[in-house]
Amino acid sequence: MSSTPIREDEVPHSRVPAAEQGASDRARRLRTASIAMRAVFILVLAIVFLRVSLPQSETIWTVYDTPGDLVRLLLGLAACGWIAAQLFSMPKDMEAHRIWLYLGLAAVPFILICIVGIW
């Protein structure tokens, strides 16, 4: 054997196998789809909470007429704030992304039907 040193530019670069590259591509698509479904679900849920918490009268200023309307409005705004905070906390692992994707595919059409029914 020869003891000639190998220059750095002569060392073959290790390539990522095609299976691993495909897996990372699938993981990226899963993450993107789950984040989109999660965002749509949370935003639409916040809209439902906001709509349900509004007073039954024509204007918002009638909230002071009965204490029940005021309590419902305050609880609804608190729930909307909590839901908005959840919008910015992302899932940590791929299993959580998979769960959000499946939940979003099932729950987003249902909650959109609820919005149509509420209005």
PDB file of N, CA and C in Angstrom:
ATOM      1  N   MET A   1       0.813  -1.173   0.000  1.00  0.00           N
ATOM      2  CA  MET A   1       0.000   0.000   0.000  1.00  0.00           C
ATOM      3  C   MET A   1       0.855   1.233   0.000  1.00  0.00           C
ATOM      4  N   SER A   2       0.302   2.205  -0.571  1.00  0.00           N
ATOM      5  CA  SER A   2       1.036   3.441  -0.652  1.00  0.00           C
ATOM      6  C   SER A   2       0.623   4.341   0.499  1.00  0.00           C
ATOM      7  N   SER A   3       1.529   5.100   0.996  1.00  0.00           N
ATOM      8  CA  SER A   3       1.238   6.004   2.104  1.00  0.00           C
ATOM      9  C   SER A   3       1.122   7.443   1.609  1.00  0.00           C
ATOM     10  N   THR A   4       0.653   7.598   0.399  1.00  0.00           N
ATOM     11  CA  THR A   4       0.487   8.925  -0.145  1.00  0.00           C
ATOM     12  C   THR A   4      -0.752   9.560   0.484  1.00  0.00           C
ATOM     13  N   PRO A   5      -0.623  10.769   0.998  1.00  0.00           N
ATOM     14  CA  PRO A   5      -1.789  11.415   1.599  1.00  0.00           C
ATOM     15  C   PRO A   5      -2.830  11.757   0.524  1.00  0.00           C
ATOM     16  N   ILE A   6      -4.071  11.665   0.908  1.00  0.00           N
ATOM     17  CA  ILE A   6      -5.175  11.982  -0.008  1.00  0.00           C
ATOM     18  C   ILE A   6      -5.588  13.420   0.247  1.00  0.00           C
ATOM     19  N   ARG A   7      -5.675  14.141  -0.829  1.00  0.00           N
ATOM     20  CA  ARG A   7      -6.130  15.519  -0.703  1.00  0.00           C
ATOM     21  C   ARG A   7      -7.627  15.531  -0.417  1.00  0.00           C
ATOM     22  N   GLU A   8      -8.088  16.600   0.201  1.00  0.00           N
ATOM     23  CA  GLU A   8      -9.491  16.689   0.606  1.00  0.00           C
ATOM     24  C   GLU A   8     -10.426  16.716  -0.595  1.00  0.00           C
ATOM     25  N   ASP A   9      -9.994  17.314  -1.697  1.00  0.00           N
ATOM     26  CA  ASP A   9     -10.868  17.383  -2.860  1.00  0.00           C
ATOM     27  C   ASP A   9     -10.979  16.041  -3.580  1.00  0.00           C
ATOM     28  N   GLU A  10     -10.124  15.068  -3.228  1.00  0.00           N
ATOM     29  CA  GLU A  10     -10.195  13.750  -3.845  1.00  0.00           C
ATOM     30  C   GLU A  10     -11.065  12.776  -3.063  1.00  0.00           C
ATOM     31  N   VAL A  11     -11.473  13.131  -1.851  1.00  0.00           N
ATOM     32  CA  VAL A  11     -12.296  12.245  -1.025  1.00  0.00           C
ATOM     33  C   VAL A  11     -13.708  12.254  -1.602  1.00  0.00           C
ATOM     34  N   PRO A  12     -14.252  11.065  -1.870  1.00  0.00           N
ATOM     35  CA  PRO A  12     -15.616  11.037  -2.407  1.00  0.00           C
ATOM     36  C   PRO A  12     -16.600  11.534  -1.354  1.00  0.00           C
ATOM     37  N   HIS A  13     -17.523  12.369  -1.790  1.00  0.00           N
ATOM     38  CA  HIS A  13     -18.540  12.901  -0.886  1.00  0.00           C
ATOM     39  C   HIS A  13     -19.607  11.843  -0.687  1.00  0.00           C
ATOM     40  N   SER A  14     -20.030  11.718   0.559  1.00  0.00           N
ATOM     41  CA  SER A  14     -21.090  10.742   0.828  1.00  0.00           C
ATOM     42  C   SER A  14     -22.409  11.341   0.373  1.00  0.00           C
ATOM     43  N   ARG A  15     -23.150  10.556  -0.335  1.00  0.00           N
ATOM     44  CA  ARG A  15     -24.455  10.999  -0.823  1.00  0.00           C
ATOM     45  C   ARG A  15     -25.537  10.420   0.068  1.00  0.00           C
ATOM     46  N   VAL A  16     -26.618  11.146   0.164  1.00  0.00           N
ATOM     47  CA  VAL A  16     -27.762  10.668   0.917  1.00  0.00           C
ATOM     48  C   VAL A  16     -28.486   9.657   0.043  1.00  0.00           C
ATOM     49  N   PRO A  17     -28.751   8.459   0.567  1.00  0.00           N
ATOM     50  CA  PRO A  17     -29.469   7.477  -0.239  1.00  0.00           C
ATOM     51  C   PRO A  17     -30.842   7.996  -0.654  1.00  0.00           C
ATOM     52  N   ALA A  18     -31.318   7.488  -1.779  1.00  0.00           N
ATOM     53  CA  ALA A  18     -32.602   7.959  -2.316  1.00  0.00           C
ATOM     54  C   ALA A  18     -33.744   7.675  -1.366  1.00  0.00           C
ATOM     55  N   ALA A  19     -33.685   6.572  -0.637  1.00  0.00           N
ATOM     56  CA  ALA A  19     -34.758   6.251   0.306  1.00  0.00           C
ATOM     57  C   ALA A  19     -34.830   7.281   1.428  1.00  0.00           C
ATOM     58  N   GLU A  20     -33.670   7.701   1.937  1.00  0.00           N
ATOM     59  CA  GLU A  20     -33.654   8.707   2.998  1.00  0.00           C
ATOM     60  C   GLU A  20     -34.106  10.063   2.471  1.00  0.00           C
ATOM     61  N   GLN A  21     -33.745  10.384   1.238  1.00  0.00           N
ATOM     62  CA  GLN A  21     -34.168  11.652   0.655  1.00  0.00           C
ATOM     63  C   GLN A  21     -35.670  11.660   0.457  1.00  0.00           C
ATOM     64  N   GLY A  22     -36.239  10.540   0.010  1.00  0.00           N
ATOM     65  CA  GLY A  22     -37.688  10.447  -0.151  1.00  0.00           C
ATOM     66  C   GLY A  22     -38.405  10.544   1.181  1.00  0.00           C
ATOM     67  N   ALA A  23     -37.809   9.960   2.225  1.00  0.00           N
ATOM     68  CA  ALA A  23     -38.411  10.026   3.552  1.00  0.00           C
ATOM     69  C   ALA A  23     -38.410  11.458   4.077  1.00  0.00           C
ATOM     70  N   SER A  24     -37.330  12.184   3.836  1.00  0.00           N
ATOM     71  CA  SER A  24     -37.297  13.568   4.307  1.00  0.00           C
ATOM     72  C   SER A  24     -38.266  14.437   3.519  1.00  0.00           C
ATOM     73  N   ASP A  25     -38.452  14.125   2.242  1.00  0.00           N
ATOM     74  CA  ASP A  25     -39.421  14.862   1.438  1.00  0.00           C
ATOM     75  C   ASP A  25     -40.844  14.588   1.929  1.00  0.00           C
ATOM     76  N   ARG A  26     -41.136  13.331   2.258  1.00  0.00           N
ATOM     77  CA  ARG A  26     -42.458  12.991   2.794  1.00  0.00           C
ATOM     78  C   ARG A  26     -42.676  13.651   4.142  1.00  0.00           C
ATOM     79  N   ALA A  27     -41.641  13.708   4.965  1.00  0.00           N
ATOM     80  CA  ALA A  27     -41.760  14.347   6.275  1.00  0.00           C
ATOM     81  C   ALA A  27     -42.029  15.839   6.128  1.00  0.00           C
ATOM     82  N   ARG A  28     -41.379  16.460   5.178  1.00  0.00           N
ATOM     83  CA  ARG A  28     -41.606  17.895   4.953  1.00  0.00           C
ATOM     84  C   ARG A  28     -43.028  18.145   4.470  1.00  0.00           C
ATOM     85  N   ARG A  29     -43.524  17.297   3.560  1.00  0.00           N
ATOM     86  CA  ARG A  29     -44.901  17.455   3.077  1.00  0.00           C
ATOM     87  C   ARG A  29     -45.911  17.193   4.184  1.00  0.00           C
ATOM     88  N   LEU A  30     -45.637  16.188   5.024  1.00  0.00           N
ATOM     89  CA  LEU A  30     -46.517  15.902   6.154  1.00  0.00           C
ATOM     90  C   LEU A  30     -46.549  17.078   7.111  1.00  0.00           C
ATOM     91  N   ARG A  31     -45.387  17.653   7.411  1.00  0.00           N
ATOM     92  CA  ARG A  31     -45.307  18.797   8.315  1.00  0.00           C
ATOM     93  C   ARG A  31     -46.064  20.000   7.743  1.00  0.00           C
ATOM     94  N   THR A  32     -45.884  20.261   6.462  1.00  0.00           N
ATOM     95  CA  THR A  32     -46.563  21.399   5.833  1.00  0.00           C
ATOM     96  C   THR A  32     -48.078  21.211   5.838  1.00  0.00           C
ATOM     97  N   ALA A  33     -48.525  20.022   5.472  1.00  0.00           N
ATOM     98  CA  ALA A  33     -49.967  19.761   5.436  1.00  0.00           C
ATOM     99  C   ALA A  33     -50.574  19.815   6.828  1.00  0.00           C
ATOM    100  N   SER A  34     -49.880  19.278   7.819  1.00  0.00           N
ATOM    101  CA  SER A  34     -50.443  19.281   9.170  1.00  0.00           C
ATOM    102  C   SER A  34     -50.489  20.690   9.749  1.00  0.00           C
ATOM    103  N   ILE A  35     -49.484  21.487   9.467  1.00  0.00           N
ATOM    104  CA  ILE A  35     -49.500  22.872   9.958  1.00  0.00           C
ATOM    105  C   ILE A  35     -50.631  23.654   9.296  1.00  0.00           C
ATOM    106  N   ALA A  36     -50.849  23.431   8.018  1.00  0.00           N
ATOM    107  CA  ALA A  36     -51.946  24.111   7.325  1.00  0.00           C
ATOM    108  C   ALA A  36     -53.297  23.685   7.883  1.00  0.00           C
ATOM    109  N   MET A  37     -53.502  22.376   8.059  1.00  0.00           N
ATOM    110  CA  MET A  37     -54.772  21.890   8.608  1.00  0.00           C
ATOM    111  C   MET A  37     -54.986  22.389  10.032  1.00  0.00           C
ATOM    112  N   ARG A  38     -53.932  22.391  10.817  1.00  0.00           N
ATOM    113  CA  ARG A  38     -54.030  22.856  12.197  1.00  0.00           C
ATOM    114  C   ARG A  38     -54.387  24.333  12.253  1.00  0.00           C
ATOM    115  N   ALA A  39     -53.752  25.121  11.399  1.00  0.00           N
ATOM    116  CA  ALA A  39     -54.033  26.564  11.379  1.00  0.00           C
ATOM    117  C   ALA A  39     -55.470  26.838  10.946  1.00  0.00           C
ATOM    118  N   VAL A  40     -55.929  26.150   9.918  1.00  0.00           N
ATOM    119  CA  VAL A  40     -57.312  26.346   9.462  1.00  0.00           C
ATOM    120  C   VAL A  40     -58.285  25.949  10.562  1.00  0.00           C
ATOM    121  N   PHE A  41     -58.045  24.792  11.193  1.00  0.00           N
ATOM    122  CA  PHE A  41     -58.936  24.325  12.251  1.00  0.00           C
ATOM    123  C   PHE A  41     -58.988  25.311  13.410  1.00  0.00           C
ATOM    124  N   ILE A  42     -57.845  25.778  13.856  1.00  0.00           N
ATOM    125  CA  ILE A  42     -57.810  26.678  15.015  1.00  0.00           C
ATOM    126  C   ILE A  42     -58.442  28.022  14.673  1.00  0.00           C
ATOM    127  N   LEU A  43     -58.173  28.556  13.498  1.00  0.00           N
ATOM    128  CA  LEU A  43     -58.777  29.840  13.116  1.00  0.00           C
ATOM    129  C   LEU A  43     -60.293  29.745  12.986  1.00  0.00           C
ATOM    130  N   VAL A  44     -60.766  28.675  12.369  1.00  0.00           N
ATOM    131  CA  VAL A  44     -62.212  28.516  12.204  1.00  0.00           C
ATOM    132  C   VAL A  44     -62.864  28.266  13.558  1.00  0.00           C
ATOM    133  N   LEU A  45     -62.199  27.532  14.433  1.00  0.00           N
ATOM    134  CA  LEU A  45     -62.728  27.321  15.783  1.00  0.00           C
ATOM    135  C   LEU A  45     -62.819  28.638  16.546  1.00  0.00           C
ATOM    136  N   ALA A  46     -61.838  29.500  16.384  1.00  0.00           N
ATOM    137  CA  ALA A  46     -61.883  30.818  17.028  1.00  0.00           C
ATOM    138  C   ALA A  46     -63.042  31.646  16.490  1.00  0.00           C
ATOM    139  N   ILE A  47     -63.315  31.532  15.195  1.00  0.00           N
ATOM    140  CA  ILE A  47     -64.461  32.245  14.607  1.00  0.00           C
ATOM    141  C   ILE A  47     -65.756  31.738  15.206  1.00  0.00           C
ATOM    142  N   VAL A  48     -65.884  30.432  15.368  1.00  0.00           N
ATOM    143  CA  VAL A  48     -67.095  29.865  15.966  1.00  0.00           C
ATOM    144  C   VAL A  48     -67.253  30.358  17.403  1.00  0.00           C
ATOM    145  N   PHE A  49     -66.174  30.333  18.189  1.00  0.00           N
ATOM    146  CA  PHE A  49     -66.240  30.810  19.569  1.00  0.00           C
ATOM    147  C   PHE A  49     -66.647  32.274  19.618  1.00  0.00           C
ATOM    148  N   LEU A  50     -66.069  33.072  18.749  1.00  0.00           N
ATOM    149  CA  LEU A  50     -66.392  34.497  18.740  1.00  0.00           C
ATOM    150  C   LEU A  50     -67.850  34.731  18.367  1.00  0.00           C
ATOM    151  N   ARG A  51     -68.331  34.018  17.380  1.00  0.00           N
ATOM    152  CA  ARG A  51     -69.721  34.194  16.940  1.00  0.00           C
ATOM    153  C   ARG A  51     -70.705  33.759  18.015  1.00  0.00           C
ATOM    154  N   VAL A  52     -70.402  32.662  18.695  1.00  0.00           N
ATOM    155  CA  VAL A  52     -71.302  32.161  19.726  1.00  0.00           C
ATOM    156  C   VAL A  52     -71.285  33.060  20.956  1.00  0.00           C
ATOM    157  N   SER A  53     -70.173  33.707  21.228  1.00  0.00           N
ATOM    158  CA  SER A  53     -70.080  34.532  22.430  1.00  0.00           C
ATOM    159  C   SER A  53     -70.684  35.924  22.259  1.00  0.00           C
ATOM    160  N   LEU A  54     -70.975  36.333  21.046  1.00  0.00           N
ATOM    161  CA  LEU A  54     -71.570  37.654  20.841  1.00  0.00           C
ATOM    162  C   LEU A  54     -72.998  37.686  21.379  1.00  0.00           C
ATOM    163  N   PRO A  55     -73.473  38.864  21.786  1.00  0.00           N
ATOM    164  CA  PRO A  55     -74.852  38.953  22.271  1.00  0.00           C
ATOM    165  C   PRO A  55     -75.851  38.645  21.157  1.00  0.00           C
ATOM    166  N   GLN A  56     -77.037  38.214  21.563  1.00  0.00           N
ATOM    167  CA  GLN A  56     -78.055  37.812  20.596  1.00  0.00           C
ATOM    168  C   GLN A  56     -78.724  39.003  19.911  1.00  0.00           C
ATOM    169  N   SER A  57     -78.518  40.191  20.434  1.00  0.00           N
ATOM    170  CA  SER A  57     -79.136  41.391  19.862  1.00  0.00           C
ATOM    171  C   SER A  57     -78.399  41.836  18.607  1.00  0.00           C
ATOM    172  N   GLU A  58     -78.848  42.935  18.072  1.00  0.00           N
ATOM    173  CA  GLU A  58     -78.281  43.446  16.824  1.00  0.00           C
ATOM    174  C   GLU A  58     -76.911  44.080  17.010  1.00  0.00           C
ATOM    175  N   THR A  59     -76.685  44.759  18.119  1.00  0.00           N
ATOM    176  CA  THR A  59     -75.419  45.465  18.306  1.00  0.00           C
ATOM    177  C   THR A  59     -74.655  44.889  19.486  1.00  0.00           C
ATOM    178  N   ILE A  60     -73.381  45.182  19.525  1.00  0.00           N
ATOM    179  CA  ILE A  60     -72.519  44.732  20.611  1.00  0.00           C
ATOM    180  C   ILE A  60     -72.803  45.503  21.891  1.00  0.00           C
ATOM    181  N   TRP A  61     -73.356  46.692  21.788  1.00  0.00           N
ATOM    182  CA  TRP A  61     -73.554  47.547  22.958  1.00  0.00           C
ATOM    183  C   TRP A  61     -74.685  47.050  23.845  1.00  0.00           C
ATOM    184  N   THR A  62     -75.471  46.088  23.383  1.00  0.00           N
ATOM    185  CA  THR A  62     -76.524  45.536  24.230  1.00  0.00           C
ATOM    186  C   THR A  62     -75.979  44.471  25.176  1.00  0.00           C
ATOM    187  N   VAL A  63     -74.679  44.273  25.181  1.00  0.00           N
ATOM    188  CA  VAL A  63     -74.063  43.292  26.067  1.00  0.00           C
ATOM    189  C   VAL A  63     -74.264  43.679  27.531  1.00  0.00           C
ATOM    190  N   TYR A  64     -74.442  44.949  27.786  1.00  0.00           N
ATOM    191  CA  TYR A  64     -74.603  45.416  29.162  1.00  0.00           C
ATOM    192  C   TYR A  64     -76.035  45.296  29.657  1.00  0.00           C
ATOM    193  N   ASP A  65     -76.979  44.902  28.807  1.00  0.00           N
ATOM    194  CA  ASP A  65     -78.376  44.787  29.217  1.00  0.00           C
ATOM    195  C   ASP A  65     -78.578  43.674  30.239  1.00  0.00           C
ATOM    196  N   THR A  66     -77.967  42.533  30.008  1.00  0.00           N
ATOM    197  CA  THR A  66     -78.103  41.423  30.956  1.00  0.00           C
ATOM    198  C   THR A  66     -76.705  40.944  31.360  1.00  0.00           C
ATOM    199  N   PRO A  67     -76.567  40.508  32.611  1.00  0.00           N
ATOM    200  CA  PRO A  67     -75.243  40.037  33.038  1.00  0.00           C
ATOM    201  C   PRO A  67     -74.830  38.750  32.308  1.00  0.00           C
ATOM    202  N   GLY A  68     -75.788  37.952  31.880  1.00  0.00           N
ATOM    203  CA  GLY A  68     -75.468  36.718  31.161  1.00  0.00           C
ATOM    204  C   GLY A  68     -74.751  36.994  29.852  1.00  0.00           C
ATOM    205  N   ASP A  69     -75.178  38.027  29.136  1.00  0.00           N
ATOM    206  CA  ASP A  69     -74.513  38.391  27.876  1.00  0.00           C
ATOM    207  C   ASP A  69     -73.078  38.839  28.114  1.00  0.00           C
ATOM    208  N   LEU A  70     -72.880  39.613  29.181  1.00  0.00           N
ATOM    209  CA  LEU A  70     -71.539  40.101  29.485  1.00  0.00           C
ATOM    210  C   LEU A  70     -70.610  38.942  29.869  1.00  0.00           C
ATOM    211  N   VAL A  71     -71.098  38.017  30.674  1.00  0.00           N
ATOM    212  CA  VAL A  71     -70.290  36.864  31.078  1.00  0.00           C
ATOM    213  C   VAL A  71     -69.969  35.998  29.855  1.00  0.00           C
ATOM    214  N   ARG A  72     -70.960  35.777  29.003  1.00  0.00           N
ATOM    215  CA  ARG A  72     -70.732  34.967  27.799  1.00  0.00           C
ATOM    216  C   ARG A  72     -69.706  35.629  26.885  1.00  0.00           C
ATOM    217  N   LEU A  73     -69.780  36.947  26.741  1.00  0.00           N
ATOM    218  CA  LEU A  73     -68.815  37.658  25.909  1.00  0.00           C
ATOM    219  C   LEU A  73     -67.405  37.558  26.493  1.00  0.00           C
ATOM    220  N   LEU A  74     -67.271  37.743  27.787  1.00  0.00           N
ATOM    221  CA  LEU A  74     -65.948  37.675  28.411  1.00  0.00           C
ATOM    222  C   LEU A  74     -65.365  36.263  28.331  1.00  0.00           C
ATOM    223  N   LEU A  75     -66.180  35.247  28.574  1.00  0.00           N
ATOM    224  CA  LEU A  75     -65.698  33.874  28.452  1.00  0.00           C
ATOM    225  C   LEU A  75     -65.329  33.538  27.008  1.00  0.00           C
ATOM    226  N   GLY A  76     -66.104  34.021  26.071  1.00  0.00           N
ATOM    227  CA  GLY A  76     -65.797  33.780  24.663  1.00  0.00           C
ATOM    228  C   GLY A  76     -64.511  34.456  24.231  1.00  0.00           C
ATOM    229  N   LEU A  77     -64.285  35.678  24.699  1.00  0.00           N
ATOM    230  CA  LEU A  77     -63.038  36.366  24.367  1.00  0.00           C
ATOM    231  C   LEU A  77     -61.839  35.685  25.006  1.00  0.00           C
ATOM    232  N   ALA A  78     -62.003  35.180  26.231  1.00  0.00           N
ATOM    233  CA  ALA A  78     -60.916  34.450  26.886  1.00  0.00           C
ATOM    234  C   ALA A  78     -60.611  33.154  26.119  1.00  0.00           C
ATOM    235  N   ALA A  79     -61.655  32.462  25.689  1.00  0.00           N
ATOM    236  CA  ALA A  79     -61.451  31.232  24.906  1.00  0.00           C
ATOM    237  C   ALA A  79     -60.771  31.542  23.579  1.00  0.00           C
ATOM    238  N   CYS A  80     -61.160  32.629  22.931  1.00  0.00           N
ATOM    239  CA  CYS A  80     -60.514  33.022  21.669  1.00  0.00           C
ATOM    240  C   CYS A  80     -59.044  33.369  21.884  1.00  0.00           C
ATOM    241  N   GLY A  81     -58.742  34.020  22.994  1.00  0.00           N
ATOM    242  CA  GLY A  81     -57.343  34.325  23.307  1.00  0.00           C
ATOM    243  C   GLY A  81     -56.528  33.069  23.532  1.00  0.00           C
ATOM    244  N   TRP A  82     -57.106  32.086  24.238  1.00  0.00           N
ATOM    245  CA  TRP A  82     -56.406  30.833  24.474  1.00  0.00           C
ATOM    246  C   TRP A  82     -56.193  30.080  23.160  1.00  0.00           C
ATOM    247  N   ILE A  83     -57.202  30.085  22.305  1.00  0.00           N
ATOM    248  CA  ILE A  83     -57.086  29.414  21.009  1.00  0.00           C
ATOM    249  C   ILE A  83     -56.029  30.111  20.152  1.00  0.00           C
ATOM    250  N   ALA A  84     -55.994  31.430  20.185  1.00  0.00           N
ATOM    251  CA  ALA A  84     -54.978  32.161  19.413  1.00  0.00           C
ATOM    252  C   ALA A  84     -53.579  31.854  19.927  1.00  0.00           C
ATOM    253  N   ALA A  85     -53.424  31.673  21.241  1.00  0.00           N
ATOM    254  CA  ALA A  85     -52.114  31.304  21.785  1.00  0.00           C
ATOM    255  C   ALA A  85     -51.720  29.906  21.320  1.00  0.00           C
ATOM    256  N   GLN A  86     -52.672  29.003  21.184  1.00  0.00           N
ATOM    257  CA  GLN A  86     -52.390  27.659  20.707  1.00  0.00           C
ATOM    258  C   GLN A  86     -51.957  27.647  19.248  1.00  0.00           C
ATOM    259  N   LEU A  87     -52.363  28.651  18.514  1.00  0.00           N
ATOM    260  CA  LEU A  87     -51.994  28.744  17.101  1.00  0.00           C
ATOM    261  C   LEU A  87     -50.480  28.858  16.934  1.00  0.00           C
ATOM    262  N   PHE A  88     -49.806  29.451  17.902  1.00  0.00           N
ATOM    263  CA  PHE A  88     -48.374  29.689  17.780  1.00  0.00           C
ATOM    264  C   PHE A  88     -47.504  28.637  18.466  1.00  0.00           C
ATOM    265  N   SER A  89     -48.103  27.631  19.079  1.00  0.00           N
ATOM    266  CA  SER A  89     -47.314  26.543  19.662  1.00  0.00           C
ATOM    267  C   SER A  89     -47.390  25.353  18.710  1.00  0.00           C
ATOM    268  N   MET A  90     -46.278  25.045  18.099  1.00  0.00           N
ATOM    269  CA  MET A  90     -46.239  24.005  17.070  1.00  0.00           C
ATOM    270  C   MET A  90     -46.010  22.628  17.679  1.00  0.00           C
ATOM    271  N   PRO A  91     -46.493  21.583  16.996  1.00  0.00           N
ATOM    272  CA  PRO A  91     -46.205  20.221  17.452  1.00  0.00           C
ATOM    273  C   PRO A  91     -44.702  19.945  17.393  1.00  0.00           C
ATOM    274  N   LYS A  92     -44.248  19.062  18.272  1.00  0.00           N
ATOM    275  CA  LYS A  92     -42.814  18.826  18.392  1.00  0.00           C
ATOM    276  C   LYS A  92     -42.298  17.657  17.551  1.00  0.00           C
ATOM    277  N   ASP A  93     -43.095  16.606  17.367  1.00  0.00           N
ATOM    278  CA  ASP A  93     -42.594  15.425  16.668  1.00  0.00           C
ATOM    279  C   ASP A  93     -43.481  15.077  15.477  1.00  0.00           C
ATOM    280  N   MET A  94     -43.019  14.121  14.688  1.00  0.00           N
ATOM    281  CA  MET A  94     -43.746  13.760  13.470  1.00  0.00           C
ATOM    282  C   MET A  94     -45.064  13.060  13.780  1.00  0.00           C
ATOM    283  N   GLU A  95     -45.139  12.347  14.884  1.00  0.00           N
ATOM    284  CA  GLU A  95     -46.397  11.696  15.246  1.00  0.00           C
ATOM    285  C   GLU A  95     -47.472  12.743  15.550  1.00  0.00           C
ATOM    286  N   ALA A  96     -47.095  13.820  16.200  1.00  0.00           N
ATOM    287  CA  ALA A  96     -48.051  14.903  16.464  1.00  0.00           C
ATOM    288  C   ALA A  96     -48.495  15.552  15.156  1.00  0.00           C
ATOM    289  N   HIS A  97     -47.590  15.702  14.216  1.00  0.00           N
ATOM    290  CA  HIS A  97     -47.977  16.248  12.908  1.00  0.00           C
ATOM    291  C   HIS A  97     -48.958  15.315  12.207  1.00  0.00           C
ATOM    292  N   ARG A  98     -48.719  14.008  12.293  1.00  0.00           N
ATOM    293  CA  ARG A  98     -49.618  13.045  11.668  1.00  0.00           C
ATOM    294  C   ARG A  98     -51.009  13.109  12.303  1.00  0.00           C
ATOM    295  N   ILE A  99     -51.053  13.230  13.628  1.00  0.00           N
ATOM    296  CA  ILE A  99     -52.336  13.332  14.328  1.00  0.00           C
ATOM    297  C   ILE A  99     -53.081  14.584  13.894  1.00  0.00           C
ATOM    298  N   TRP A 100     -52.383  15.713  13.795  1.00  0.00           N
ATOM    299  CA  TRP A 100     -53.037  16.951  13.373  1.00  0.00           C
ATOM    300  C   TRP A 100     -53.522  16.873  11.931  1.00  0.00           C
ATOM    301  N   LEU A 101     -52.790  16.165  11.090  1.00  0.00           N
ATOM    302  CA  LEU A 101     -53.241  16.004   9.711  1.00  0.00           C
ATOM    303  C   LEU A 101     -54.541  15.219   9.665  1.00  0.00           C
ATOM    304  N   TYR A 102     -54.600  14.096  10.373  1.00  0.00           N
ATOM    305  CA  TYR A 102     -55.818  13.288  10.389  1.00  0.00           C
ATOM    306  C   TYR A 102     -56.969  14.029  11.055  1.00  0.00           C
ATOM    307  N   LEU A 103     -56.695  14.695  12.164  1.00  0.00           N
ATOM    308  CA  LEU A 103     -57.724  15.464  12.848  1.00  0.00           C
ATOM    309  C   LEU A 103     -58.232  16.601  11.972  1.00  0.00           C
ATOM    310  N   GLY A 104     -57.311  17.268  11.285  1.00  0.00           N
ATOM    311  CA  GLY A 104     -57.716  18.359  10.400  1.00  0.00           C
ATOM    312  C   GLY A 104     -58.576  17.878   9.242  1.00  0.00           C
ATOM    313  N   LEU A 105     -58.215  16.738   8.672  1.00  0.00           N
ATOM    314  CA  LEU A 105     -59.019  16.206   7.564  1.00  0.00           C
ATOM    315  C   LEU A 105     -60.428  15.835   8.011  1.00  0.00           C
ATOM    316  N   ALA A 106     -60.568  15.420   9.258  1.00  0.00           N
ATOM    317  CA  ALA A 106     -61.897  15.054   9.760  1.00  0.00           C
ATOM    318  C   ALA A 106     -62.652  16.245  10.327  1.00  0.00           C
ATOM    319  N   ALA A 107     -61.957  17.150  11.017  1.00  0.00           N
ATOM    320  CA  ALA A 107     -62.632  18.199  11.771  1.00  0.00           C
ATOM    321  C   ALA A 107     -62.877  19.478  10.981  1.00  0.00           C
ATOM    322  N   VAL A 108     -62.041  19.801  10.022  1.00  0.00           N
ATOM    323  CA  VAL A 108     -62.214  21.056   9.282  1.00  0.00           C
ATOM    324  C   VAL A 108     -63.539  21.072   8.511  1.00  0.00           C
ATOM    325  N   PRO A 109     -63.908  20.018   7.781  1.00  0.00           N
ATOM    326  CA  PRO A 109     -65.224  20.067   7.124  1.00  0.00           C
ATOM    327  C   PRO A 109     -66.371  20.171   8.121  1.00  0.00           C
ATOM    328  N   PHE A 110     -66.263  19.472   9.262  1.00  0.00           N
ATOM    329  CA  PHE A 110     -67.312  19.534  10.268  1.00  0.00           C
ATOM    330  C   PHE A 110     -67.469  20.937  10.831  1.00  0.00           C
ATOM    331  N   ILE A 111     -66.370  21.578  11.149  1.00  0.00           N
ATOM    332  CA  ILE A 111     -66.466  22.911  11.750  1.00  0.00           C
ATOM    333  C   ILE A 111     -66.908  23.947  10.716  1.00  0.00           C
ATOM    334  N   LEU A 112     -66.573  23.726   9.446  1.00  0.00           N
ATOM    335  CA  LEU A 112     -67.106  24.620   8.406  1.00  0.00           C
ATOM    336  C   LEU A 112     -68.613  24.468   8.278  1.00  0.00           C
ATOM    337  N   ILE A 113     -69.113  23.258   8.437  1.00  0.00           N
ATOM    338  CA  ILE A 113     -70.575  23.045   8.450  1.00  0.00           C
ATOM    339  C   ILE A 113     -71.193  23.754   9.646  1.00  0.00           C
ATOM    340  N   CYS A 114     -70.505  23.735  10.781  1.00  0.00           N
ATOM    341  CA  CYS A 114     -71.004  24.451  11.966  1.00  0.00           C
ATOM    342  C   CYS A 114     -71.085  25.949  11.707  1.00  0.00           C
ATOM    343  N   ILE A 115     -70.105  26.493  11.024  1.00  0.00           N
ATOM    344  CA  ILE A 115     -70.129  27.936  10.728  1.00  0.00           C
ATOM    345  C   ILE A 115     -71.318  28.267   9.827  1.00  0.00           C
ATOM    346  N   VAL A 116     -71.556  27.445   8.822  1.00  0.00           N
ATOM    347  CA  VAL A 116     -72.695  27.688   7.938  1.00  0.00           C
ATOM    348  C   VAL A 116     -73.993  27.592   8.731  1.00  0.00           C
ATOM    349  N   GLY A 117     -74.061  26.642   9.657  1.00  0.00           N
ATOM    350  CA  GLY A 117     -75.264  26.495  10.480  1.00  0.00           C
ATOM    351  C   GLY A 117     -75.468  27.631  11.457  1.00  0.00           C
ATOM    352  N   ILE A 118     -74.381  28.200  11.975  1.00  0.00           N
ATOM    353  CA  ILE A 118     -74.495  29.294  12.929  1.00  0.00           C
ATOM    354  C   ILE A 118     -74.990  30.560  12.251  1.00  0.00           C
ATOM    355  N   TRP A 119     -74.492  30.837  11.076  1.00  0.00           N
ATOM    356  CA  TRP A 119     -74.906  32.042  10.396  1.00  0.00           C
ATOM    357  C   TRP A 119     -76.157  31.721   9.647  1.00  0.00           C
TER     358      TRP A 119
END
